[in-house]
Every structure is written in structure tokens, then in C-alpha cells.
Full PDB file with SEQRES, HELIX, SHEET, SSBOND, CRYST1, ORIGX, SCALE, CONECT and MASTER records, all heavy atoms in Angstrom:
SEQRES   1 A   33  LEU ALA VAL ASP PRO VAL ASN LEU HIS ALA VAL GLU GLN          
SEQRES   2 A   33  ILE TYR GLN LEU LYS THR ARG GLN GLN HIS LYS PRO LEU          
SEQRES   3 A   33  SER LEU LEU ILE ALA SER LEU                                  
HELIX    1 AA1 LEU A    8  LYS A   18  1                                  11    
CRYST1    1.000    1.000    1.000  90.00  90.00  90.00 P 1           1          
ORIGX1      1.000000  0.000000  0.000000        0.00000                         
ORIGX2      0.000000  1.000000  0.000000        0.00000                         
ORIGX3      0.000000  0.000000  1.000000        0.00000                         
SCALE1      1.000000  0.000000  0.000000        0.00000                         
SCALE2      0.000000  1.000000  0.000000        0.00000                         
SCALE3      0.000000  0.000000  1.000000        0.00000                         
ATOM      1  N   LEU A   1     -39.280 -41.644  -9.922  1.00  0.00           N  
ATOM      2  CA  LEU A   1     -40.224 -40.583 -10.282  1.00  0.00           C  
ATOM      3  C   LEU A   1     -41.402 -41.210 -11.003  1.00  0.00           C  
ATOM      4  O   LEU A   1     -41.254 -41.787 -12.086  1.00  0.00           O  
ATOM      5  CB  LEU A   1     -39.543 -39.545 -11.174  1.00  0.00           C  
ATOM      6  CG  LEU A   1     -38.423 -38.731 -10.525  1.00  0.00           C  
ATOM      7  CD1 LEU A   1     -37.774 -37.818 -11.553  1.00  0.00           C  
ATOM      8  CD2 LEU A   1     -38.951 -37.925  -9.350  1.00  0.00           C  
ATOM      9  N   ALA A   2     -42.574 -41.070 -10.404  1.00  0.00           N  
ATOM     10  CA  ALA A   2     -43.783 -41.679 -10.945  1.00  0.00           C  
ATOM     11  C   ALA A   2     -44.659 -40.630 -11.611  1.00  0.00           C  
ATOM     12  O   ALA A   2     -44.909 -39.561 -11.042  1.00  0.00           O  
ATOM     13  CB  ALA A   2     -44.569 -42.373  -9.835  1.00  0.00           C  
ATOM     14  N   VAL A   3     -45.108 -40.942 -12.827  1.00  0.00           N  
ATOM     15  CA  VAL A   3     -46.166 -40.181 -13.491  1.00  0.00           C  
ATOM     16  C   VAL A   3     -47.052 -41.172 -14.237  1.00  0.00           C  
ATOM     17  O   VAL A   3     -46.715 -42.350 -14.394  1.00  0.00           O  
ATOM     18  CB  VAL A   3     -45.637 -39.115 -14.491  1.00  0.00           C  
ATOM     19  CG1 VAL A   3     -44.768 -38.085 -13.811  1.00  0.00           C  
ATOM     20  CG2 VAL A   3     -44.905 -39.764 -15.669  1.00  0.00           C  
ATOM     21  N   ASP A   4     -48.174 -40.671 -14.709  1.00  0.00           N  
ATOM     22  CA  ASP A   4     -49.058 -41.428 -15.584  1.00  0.00           C  
ATOM     23  C   ASP A   4     -48.397 -41.507 -16.957  1.00  0.00           C  
ATOM     24  O   ASP A   4     -48.199 -40.474 -17.615  1.00  0.00           O  
ATOM     25  CB  ASP A   4     -50.400 -40.695 -15.666  1.00  0.00           C  
ATOM     26  CG  ASP A   4     -51.381 -41.319 -16.657  1.00  0.00           C  
ATOM     27  OD1 ASP A   4     -51.023 -42.302 -17.331  1.00  0.00           O  
ATOM     28  OD2 ASP A   4     -52.514 -40.809 -16.735  1.00  0.00           O  
ATOM     29  N   PRO A   5     -48.031 -42.700 -17.448  1.00  0.00           N  
ATOM     30  CA  PRO A   5     -47.298 -42.794 -18.712  1.00  0.00           C  
ATOM     31  C   PRO A   5     -48.140 -42.456 -19.938  1.00  0.00           C  
ATOM     32  O   PRO A   5     -47.604 -42.290 -21.037  1.00  0.00           O  
ATOM     33  CB  PRO A   5     -46.845 -44.260 -18.746  1.00  0.00           C  
ATOM     34  CG  PRO A   5     -47.873 -44.978 -17.947  1.00  0.00           C  
ATOM     35  CD  PRO A   5     -48.262 -44.028 -16.845  1.00  0.00           C  
ATOM     36  N   VAL A   6     -49.452 -42.362 -19.768  1.00  0.00           N  
ATOM     37  CA  VAL A   6     -50.333 -41.996 -20.883  1.00  0.00           C  
ATOM     38  C   VAL A   6     -50.495 -40.478 -20.978  1.00  0.00           C  
ATOM     39  O   VAL A   6     -50.932 -39.956 -21.988  1.00  0.00           O  
ATOM     40  CB  VAL A   6     -51.701 -42.700 -20.724  1.00  0.00           C  
ATOM     41  CG1 VAL A   6     -52.653 -42.348 -21.848  1.00  0.00           C  
ATOM     42  CG2 VAL A   6     -51.503 -44.219 -20.683  1.00  0.00           C  
ATOM     43  N   ASN A   7     -50.128 -39.769 -19.913  1.00  0.00           N  
ATOM     44  CA  ASN A   7     -50.199 -38.313 -19.887  1.00  0.00           C  
ATOM     45  C   ASN A   7     -48.890 -37.757 -20.445  1.00  0.00           C  
ATOM     46  O   ASN A   7     -47.877 -37.713 -19.746  1.00  0.00           O  
ATOM     47  CB  ASN A   7     -50.437 -37.834 -18.454  1.00  0.00           C  
ATOM     48  CG  ASN A   7     -50.634 -36.332 -18.352  1.00  0.00           C  
ATOM     49  OD1 ASN A   7     -50.024 -35.555 -19.088  1.00  0.00           O  
ATOM     50  ND2 ASN A   7     -51.477 -35.907 -17.425  1.00  0.00           N  
ATOM     51  N   LEU A   8     -48.903 -37.345 -21.696  1.00  0.00           N  
ATOM     52  CA  LEU A   8     -47.655 -36.958 -22.353  1.00  0.00           C  
ATOM     53  C   LEU A   8     -47.048 -35.698 -21.746  1.00  0.00           C  
ATOM     54  O   LEU A   8     -45.822 -35.541 -21.739  1.00  0.00           O  
ATOM     55  CB  LEU A   8     -47.898 -36.772 -23.858  1.00  0.00           C  
ATOM     56  CG  LEU A   8     -48.304 -38.052 -24.602  1.00  0.00           C  
ATOM     57  CD1 LEU A   8     -48.411 -37.785 -26.095  1.00  0.00           C  
ATOM     58  CD2 LEU A   8     -47.312 -39.187 -24.349  1.00  0.00           C  
ATOM     59  N   HIS A   9     -47.868 -34.813 -21.224  1.00  0.00           N  
ATOM     60  CA  HIS A   9     -47.320 -33.625 -20.550  1.00  0.00           C  
ATOM     61  C   HIS A   9     -46.544 -34.041 -19.299  1.00  0.00           C  
ATOM     62  O   HIS A   9     -45.456 -33.518 -19.031  1.00  0.00           O  
ATOM     63  CB  HIS A   9     -48.446 -32.661 -20.177  1.00  0.00           C  
ATOM     64  CG  HIS A   9     -47.967 -31.473 -19.392  1.00  0.00           C  
ATOM     65  ND1 HIS A   9     -47.188 -30.466 -19.949  1.00  0.00           N  
ATOM     66  CD2 HIS A   9     -48.135 -31.129 -18.080  1.00  0.00           C  
ATOM     67  CE1 HIS A   9     -46.906 -29.569 -19.020  1.00  0.00           C  
ATOM     68  NE2 HIS A   9     -47.458 -29.935 -17.887  1.00  0.00           N  
ATOM     69  N   ALA A  10     -47.094 -35.003 -18.544  1.00  0.00           N  
ATOM     70  CA  ALA A  10     -46.415 -35.485 -17.339  1.00  0.00           C  
ATOM     71  C   ALA A  10     -45.121 -36.202 -17.709  1.00  0.00           C  
ATOM     72  O   ALA A  10     -44.089 -36.032 -17.041  1.00  0.00           O  
ATOM     73  CB  ALA A  10     -47.345 -36.420 -16.563  1.00  0.00           C  
ATOM     74  N   VAL A  11     -45.158 -36.999 -18.763  1.00  0.00           N  
ATOM     75  CA  VAL A  11     -43.947 -37.693 -19.227  1.00  0.00           C  
ATOM     76  C   VAL A  11     -42.873 -36.676 -19.597  1.00  0.00           C  
ATOM     77  O   VAL A  11     -41.695 -36.832 -19.248  1.00  0.00           O  
ATOM     78  CB  VAL A  11     -44.279 -38.611 -20.422  1.00  0.00           C  
ATOM     79  CG1 VAL A  11     -43.005 -39.133 -21.077  1.00  0.00           C  
ATOM     80  CG2 VAL A  11     -45.160 -39.779 -19.971  1.00  0.00           C  
ATOM     81  N   GLU A  12     -43.276 -35.620 -20.282  1.00  0.00           N  
ATOM     82  CA  GLU A  12     -42.307 -34.605 -20.708  1.00  0.00           C  
ATOM     83  C   GLU A  12     -41.686 -33.905 -19.506  1.00  0.00           C  
ATOM     84  O   GLU A  12     -40.501 -33.532 -19.543  1.00  0.00           O  
ATOM     85  CB  GLU A  12     -42.989 -33.586 -21.625  1.00  0.00           C  
ATOM     86  CG  GLU A  12     -42.022 -32.782 -22.473  1.00  0.00           C  
ATOM     87  CD  GLU A  12     -41.151 -33.652 -23.366  1.00  0.00           C  
ATOM     88  OE1 GLU A  12     -41.665 -34.638 -23.945  1.00  0.00           O  
ATOM     89  OE2 GLU A  12     -39.940 -33.366 -23.457  1.00  0.00           O  
ATOM     90  N   GLN A  13     -42.459 -33.750 -18.427  1.00  0.00           N  
ATOM     91  CA  GLN A  13     -41.916 -33.128 -17.223  1.00  0.00           C  
ATOM     92  C   GLN A  13     -40.707 -33.904 -16.694  1.00  0.00           C  
ATOM     93  O   GLN A  13     -39.727 -33.316 -16.225  1.00  0.00           O  
ATOM     94  CB  GLN A  13     -42.986 -33.064 -16.134  1.00  0.00           C  
ATOM     95  CG  GLN A  13     -44.063 -32.030 -16.344  1.00  0.00           C  
ATOM     96  CD  GLN A  13     -44.979 -31.970 -15.138  1.00  0.00           C  
ATOM     97  OE1 GLN A  13     -44.627 -31.461 -14.081  1.00  0.00           O  
ATOM     98  NE2 GLN A  13     -46.169 -32.521 -15.284  1.00  0.00           N  
ATOM     99  N   ILE A  14     -40.786 -35.237 -16.762  1.00  0.00           N  
ATOM    100  CA  ILE A  14     -39.672 -36.046 -16.266  1.00  0.00           C  
ATOM    101  C   ILE A  14     -38.437 -35.854 -17.138  1.00  0.00           C  
ATOM    102  O   ILE A  14     -37.317 -35.699 -16.643  1.00  0.00           O  
ATOM    103  CB  ILE A  14     -40.069 -37.531 -16.191  1.00  0.00           C  
ATOM    104  CG1 ILE A  14     -41.020 -37.749 -15.022  1.00  0.00           C  
ATOM    105  CG2 ILE A  14     -38.839 -38.412 -16.049  1.00  0.00           C  
ATOM    106  CD1 ILE A  14     -41.366 -39.183 -14.747  1.00  0.00           C  
ATOM    107  N   TYR A  15     -38.623 -35.855 -18.458  1.00  0.00           N  
ATOM    108  CA  TYR A  15     -37.480 -35.650 -19.340  1.00  0.00           C  
ATOM    109  C   TYR A  15     -36.823 -34.300 -19.069  1.00  0.00           C  
ATOM    110  O   TYR A  15     -35.587 -34.180 -19.057  1.00  0.00           O  
ATOM    111  CB  TYR A  15     -37.909 -35.755 -20.801  1.00  0.00           C  
ATOM    112  CG  TYR A  15     -38.012 -37.176 -21.295  1.00  0.00           C  
ATOM    113  CD1 TYR A  15     -39.214 -37.875 -21.233  1.00  0.00           C  
ATOM    114  CD2 TYR A  15     -36.900 -37.835 -21.811  1.00  0.00           C  
ATOM    115  CE1 TYR A  15     -39.311 -39.188 -21.672  1.00  0.00           C  
ATOM    116  CE2 TYR A  15     -36.979 -39.143 -22.259  1.00  0.00           C  
ATOM    117  CZ  TYR A  15     -38.185 -39.813 -22.182  1.00  0.00           C  
ATOM    118  OH  TYR A  15     -38.265 -41.117 -22.606  1.00  0.00           O  
ATOM    119  N   GLN A  16     -37.624 -33.263 -18.836  1.00  0.00           N  
ATOM    120  CA  GLN A  16     -37.066 -31.940 -18.573  1.00  0.00           C  
ATOM    121  C   GLN A  16     -36.400 -31.886 -17.202  1.00  0.00           C  
ATOM    122  O   GLN A  16     -35.319 -31.305 -17.046  1.00  0.00           O  
ATOM    123  CB  GLN A  16     -38.175 -30.894 -18.668  1.00  0.00           C  
ATOM    124  CG  GLN A  16     -38.714 -30.713 -20.077  1.00  0.00           C  
ATOM    125  CD  GLN A  16     -39.893 -29.754 -20.128  1.00  0.00           C  
ATOM    126  OE1 GLN A  16     -40.268 -29.147 -19.130  1.00  0.00           O  
ATOM    127  NE2 GLN A  16     -40.487 -29.627 -21.308  1.00  0.00           N  
ATOM    128  N   LEU A  17     -37.033 -32.508 -16.211  1.00  0.00           N  
ATOM    129  CA  LEU A  17     -36.498 -32.501 -14.852  1.00  0.00           C  
ATOM    130  C   LEU A  17     -35.121 -33.157 -14.792  1.00  0.00           C  
ATOM    131  O   LEU A  17     -34.197 -32.653 -14.150  1.00  0.00           O  
ATOM    132  CB  LEU A  17     -37.470 -33.230 -13.917  1.00  0.00           C  
ATOM    133  CG  LEU A  17     -37.009 -33.491 -12.490  1.00  0.00           C  
ATOM    134  CD1 LEU A  17     -36.848 -32.183 -11.735  1.00  0.00           C  
ATOM    135  CD2 LEU A  17     -38.000 -34.392 -11.755  1.00  0.00           C  
ATOM    136  N   LYS A  18     -34.981 -34.276 -15.489  1.00  0.00           N  
ATOM    137  CA  LYS A  18     -33.727 -35.033 -15.419  1.00  0.00           C  
ATOM    138  C   LYS A  18     -32.766 -34.689 -16.554  1.00  0.00           C  
ATOM    139  O   LYS A  18     -31.685 -35.263 -16.632  1.00  0.00           O  
ATOM    140  CB  LYS A  18     -34.029 -36.534 -15.447  1.00  0.00           C  
ATOM    141  CG  LYS A  18     -34.774 -37.029 -14.217  1.00  0.00           C  
ATOM    142  CD  LYS A  18     -34.689 -38.528 -14.078  1.00  0.00           C  
ATOM    143  CE  LYS A  18     -33.272 -39.006 -13.966  1.00  0.00           C  
ATOM    144  NZ  LYS A  18     -33.152 -40.421 -13.564  1.00  0.00           N  
ATOM    145  N   THR A  19     -33.178 -33.746 -17.429  1.00  0.00           N  
ATOM    146  CA  THR A  19     -32.434 -33.490 -18.660  1.00  0.00           C  
ATOM    147  C   THR A  19     -32.064 -34.818 -19.325  1.00  0.00           C  
ATOM    148  O   THR A  19     -30.933 -35.040 -19.751  1.00  0.00           O  
ATOM    149  CB  THR A  19     -31.177 -32.631 -18.405  1.00  0.00           C  
ATOM    150  OG1 THR A  19     -30.297 -33.311 -17.484  1.00  0.00           O  
ATOM    151  CG2 THR A  19     -31.550 -31.279 -17.829  1.00  0.00           C  
ATOM    152  N   ARG A  20     -33.073 -35.698 -19.361  1.00  0.00           N  
ATOM    153  CA  ARG A  20     -32.877 -37.053 -19.893  1.00  0.00           C  
ATOM    154  C   ARG A  20     -32.882 -37.017 -21.413  1.00  0.00           C  
ATOM    155  O   ARG A  20     -33.664 -36.291 -22.028  1.00  0.00           O  
ATOM    156  CB  ARG A  20     -33.999 -37.968 -19.386  1.00  0.00           C  
ATOM    157  CG  ARG A  20     -33.837 -39.450 -19.736  1.00  0.00           C  
ATOM    158  CD  ARG A  20     -35.000 -40.248 -19.150  1.00  0.00           C  
ATOM    159  NE  ARG A  20     -34.958 -41.649 -19.483  1.00  0.00           N  
ATOM    160  CZ  ARG A  20     -34.289 -42.566 -18.799  1.00  0.00           C  
ATOM    161  NH1 ARG A  20     -33.599 -42.216 -17.733  1.00  0.00           N  
ATOM    162  NH2 ARG A  20     -34.309 -43.838 -19.164  1.00  0.00           N  
ATOM    163  N   GLN A  21     -32.017 -37.802 -22.023  1.00  0.00           N  
ATOM    164  CA  GLN A  21     -31.971 -37.862 -23.483  1.00  0.00           C  
ATOM    165  C   GLN A  21     -33.308 -38.356 -24.022  1.00  0.00           C  
ATOM    166  O   GLN A  21     -33.885 -39.321 -23.524  1.00  0.00           O  
ATOM    167  CB  GLN A  21     -30.833 -38.785 -23.932  1.00  0.00           C  
ATOM    168  CG  GLN A  21     -29.446 -38.249 -23.581  1.00  0.00           C  
ATOM    169  CD  GLN A  21     -28.355 -39.232 -23.955  1.00  0.00           C  
ATOM    170  OE1 GLN A  21     -28.558 -40.429 -23.967  1.00  0.00           O  
ATOM    171  NE2 GLN A  21     -27.180 -38.702 -24.249  1.00  0.00           N  
ATOM    172  N   GLN A  22     -33.787 -37.689 -25.063  1.00  0.00           N  
ATOM    173  CA  GLN A  22     -35.140 -37.937 -25.551  1.00  0.00           C  
ATOM    174  C   GLN A  22     -35.330 -39.331 -26.150  1.00  0.00           C  
ATOM    175  O   GLN A  22     -36.449 -39.820 -26.235  1.00  0.00           O  
ATOM    176  CB  GLN A  22     -35.507 -36.881 -26.603  1.00  0.00           C  
ATOM    177  CG  GLN A  22     -35.591 -35.464 -26.052  1.00  0.00           C  
ATOM    178  CD  GLN A  22     -36.784 -35.260 -25.135  1.00  0.00           C  
ATOM    179  OE1 GLN A  22     -37.862 -35.767 -25.392  1.00  0.00           O  
ATOM    180  NE2 GLN A  22     -36.584 -34.532 -24.047  1.00  0.00           N  
ATOM    181  N   HIS A  23     -34.232 -39.981 -26.527  1.00  0.00           N  
ATOM    182  CA  HIS A  23     -34.369 -41.304 -27.149  1.00  0.00           C  
ATOM    183  C   HIS A  23     -34.377 -42.438 -26.119  1.00  0.00           C  
ATOM    184  O   HIS A  23     -34.536 -43.601 -26.480  1.00  0.00           O  
ATOM    185  CB  HIS A  23     -33.224 -41.542 -28.152  1.00  0.00           C  
ATOM    186  CG  HIS A  23     -31.883 -41.714 -27.505  1.00  0.00           C  
ATOM    187  ND1 HIS A  23     -31.105 -40.650 -27.119  1.00  0.00           N  
ATOM    188  CD2 HIS A  23     -31.190 -42.831 -27.150  1.00  0.00           C  
ATOM    189  CE1 HIS A  23     -29.987 -41.096 -26.574  1.00  0.00           C  
ATOM    190  NE2 HIS A  23     -30.011 -42.411 -26.576  1.00  0.00           N  
ATOM    191  N   LYS A  24     -34.222 -42.093 -24.835  1.00  0.00           N  
ATOM    192  CA  LYS A  24     -34.175 -43.128 -23.801  1.00  0.00           C  
ATOM    193  C   LYS A  24     -35.562 -43.320 -23.198  1.00  0.00           C  
ATOM    194  O   LYS A  24     -36.098 -42.405 -22.564  1.00  0.00           O  
ATOM    195  CB  LYS A  24     -33.166 -42.736 -22.715  1.00  0.00           C  
ATOM    196  CG  LYS A  24     -31.726 -42.674 -23.187  1.00  0.00           C  
ATOM    197  CD  LYS A  24     -30.783 -42.270 -22.080  1.00  0.00           C  
ATOM    198  CE  LYS A  24     -30.663 -43.340 -21.009  1.00  0.00           C  
ATOM    199  NZ  LYS A  24     -29.636 -43.000 -19.992  1.00  0.00           N  
ATOM    200  N   PRO A  25     -36.166 -44.502 -23.378  1.00  0.00           N  
ATOM    201  CA  PRO A  25     -37.513 -44.721 -22.831  1.00  0.00           C  
ATOM    202  C   PRO A  25     -37.497 -44.805 -21.315  1.00  0.00           C  
ATOM    203  O   PRO A  25     -36.470 -45.084 -20.692  1.00  0.00           O  
ATOM    204  CB  PRO A  25     -37.942 -46.052 -23.454  1.00  0.00           C  
ATOM    205  CG  PRO A  25     -36.662 -46.744 -23.776  1.00  0.00           C  
ATOM    206  CD  PRO A  25     -35.670 -45.670 -24.114  1.00  0.00           C  
ATOM    207  N   LEU A  26     -38.646 -44.541 -20.723  1.00  0.00           N  
ATOM    208  CA  LEU A  26     -38.813 -44.640 -19.277  1.00  0.00           C  
ATOM    209  C   LEU A  26     -39.304 -46.037 -18.920  1.00  0.00           C  
ATOM    210  O   LEU A  26     -40.179 -46.577 -19.588  1.00  0.00           O  
ATOM    211  CB  LEU A  26     -39.841 -43.608 -18.793  1.00  0.00           C  
ATOM    212  CG  LEU A  26     -39.512 -42.144 -19.086  1.00  0.00           C  
ATOM    213  CD1 LEU A  26     -40.709 -41.264 -18.734  1.00  0.00           C  
ATOM    214  CD2 LEU A  26     -38.289 -41.705 -18.311  1.00  0.00           C  
ATOM    215  N   SER A  27     -38.739 -46.617 -17.855  1.00  0.00           N  
ATOM    216  CA  SER A  27     -39.238 -47.913 -17.407  1.00  0.00           C  
ATOM    217  C   SER A  27     -40.533 -47.716 -16.632  1.00  0.00           C  
ATOM    218  O   SER A  27     -40.804 -46.643 -16.087  1.00  0.00           O  
ATOM    219  CB  SER A  27     -38.189 -48.617 -16.535  1.00  0.00           C  
ATOM    220  OG  SER A  27     -37.906 -47.844 -15.390  1.00  0.00           O  
ATOM    221  N   LEU A  28     -41.347 -48.774 -16.592  1.00  0.00           N  
ATOM    222  CA  LEU A  28     -42.652 -48.722 -15.951  1.00  0.00           C  
ATOM    223  C   LEU A  28     -42.747 -49.764 -14.846  1.00  0.00           C  
ATOM    224  O   LEU A  28     -42.269 -50.893 -15.000  1.00  0.00           O  
ATOM    225  CB  LEU A  28     -43.766 -48.981 -16.975  1.00  0.00           C  
ATOM    226  CG  LEU A  28     -43.857 -48.020 -18.162  1.00  0.00           C  
ATOM    227  CD1 LEU A  28     -45.030 -48.416 -19.052  1.00  0.00           C  
ATOM    228  CD2 LEU A  28     -44.005 -46.573 -17.698  1.00  0.00           C  
ATOM    229  N   LEU A  29     -43.372 -49.379 -13.754  1.00  0.00           N  
ATOM    230  CA  LEU A  29     -43.699 -50.318 -12.686  1.00  0.00           C  
ATOM    231  C   LEU A  29     -45.111 -50.841 -12.897  1.00  0.00           C  
ATOM    232  O   LEU A  29     -46.032 -50.071 -13.180  1.00  0.00           O  
ATOM    233  CB  LEU A  29     -43.600 -49.641 -11.320  1.00  0.00           C  
ATOM    234  CG  LEU A  29     -42.235 -49.111 -10.901  1.00  0.00           C  
ATOM    235  CD1 LEU A  29     -42.319 -48.491  -9.507  1.00  0.00           C  
ATOM    236  CD2 LEU A  29     -41.181 -50.202 -10.938  1.00  0.00           C  
ATOM    237  N   ILE A  30     -45.272 -52.154 -12.761  1.00  0.00           N  
ATOM    238  CA  ILE A  30     -46.567 -52.796 -12.918  1.00  0.00           C  
ATOM    239  C   ILE A  30     -46.814 -53.667 -11.689  1.00  0.00           C  
ATOM    240  O   ILE A  30     -45.946 -53.811 -10.827  1.00  0.00           O  
ATOM    241  CB  ILE A  30     -46.632 -53.631 -14.211  1.00  0.00           C  
ATOM    242  CG1 ILE A  30     -45.492 -54.669 -14.239  1.00  0.00           C  
ATOM    243  CG2 ILE A  30     -46.555 -52.720 -15.441  1.00  0.00           C  
ATOM    244  CD1 ILE A  30     -45.522 -55.589 -15.437  1.00  0.00           C  
ATOM    245  N   ALA A  31     -48.013 -54.240 -11.621  1.00  0.00           N  
ATOM    246  CA  ALA A  31     -48.387 -55.009 -10.437  1.00  0.00           C  
ATOM    247  C   ALA A  31     -48.350 -56.508 -10.653  1.00  0.00           C  
ATOM    248  O   ALA A  31     -48.367 -57.267  -9.680  1.00  0.00           O  
ATOM    249  CB  ALA A  31     -49.782 -54.588  -9.964  1.00  0.00           C  
ATOM    250  N   SER A  32     -48.286 -56.965 -11.922  1.00  0.00           N  
ATOM    251  CA  SER A  32     -48.397 -58.399 -12.172  1.00  0.00           C  
ATOM    252  C   SER A  32     -47.936 -58.728 -13.584  1.00  0.00           C  
ATOM    253  O   SER A  32     -47.837 -57.851 -14.457  1.00  0.00           O  
ATOM    254  CB  SER A  32     -49.855 -58.850 -12.009  1.00  0.00           C  
ATOM    255  OG  SER A  32     -50.664 -58.249 -13.011  1.00  0.00           O  
ATOM    256  N   LEU A  33     -47.696 -60.017 -13.828  1.00  0.00           N  
ATOM    257  CA  LEU A  33     -47.375 -60.484 -15.178  1.00  0.00           C  
ATOM    258  C   LEU A  33     -48.554 -60.245 -16.117  1.00  0.00           C  
ATOM    259  O   LEU A  33     -48.370 -59.904 -17.289  1.00  0.00           O  
ATOM    260  CB  LEU A  33     -47.005 -61.971 -15.145  1.00  0.00           C  
ATOM    261  CG  LEU A  33     -46.698 -62.626 -16.501  1.00  0.00           C  
ATOM    262  CD1 LEU A  33     -45.536 -61.937 -17.205  1.00  0.00           C  
ATOM    263  CD2 LEU A  33     -46.409 -64.117 -16.319  1.00  0.00           C  
TER     264      LEU A  33                                                      
MASTER        0    0    0    1    0    0    0    6  263    1    0    3          
END                                                                             
């Protein structure tokens, strides 16, 4: 599930969608070192 990690409303949508525990950070995909 991809969202803009700087958009806190979008980030919150993922936590609600997955009923994910609030203390568990989301991993990020990047393009390079």
C-alpha cells in the first residue's frame, strides 16, 4: 500500500485500513542509496 509519507492524512488511512498498531512504523520504498 503506497501513500505519500509526508501526507499525515494519507498515512492515517493506512493505519485505519489495516487496523495497524499505532506504534508500528511503516516501511518506505526508495530508489537509491
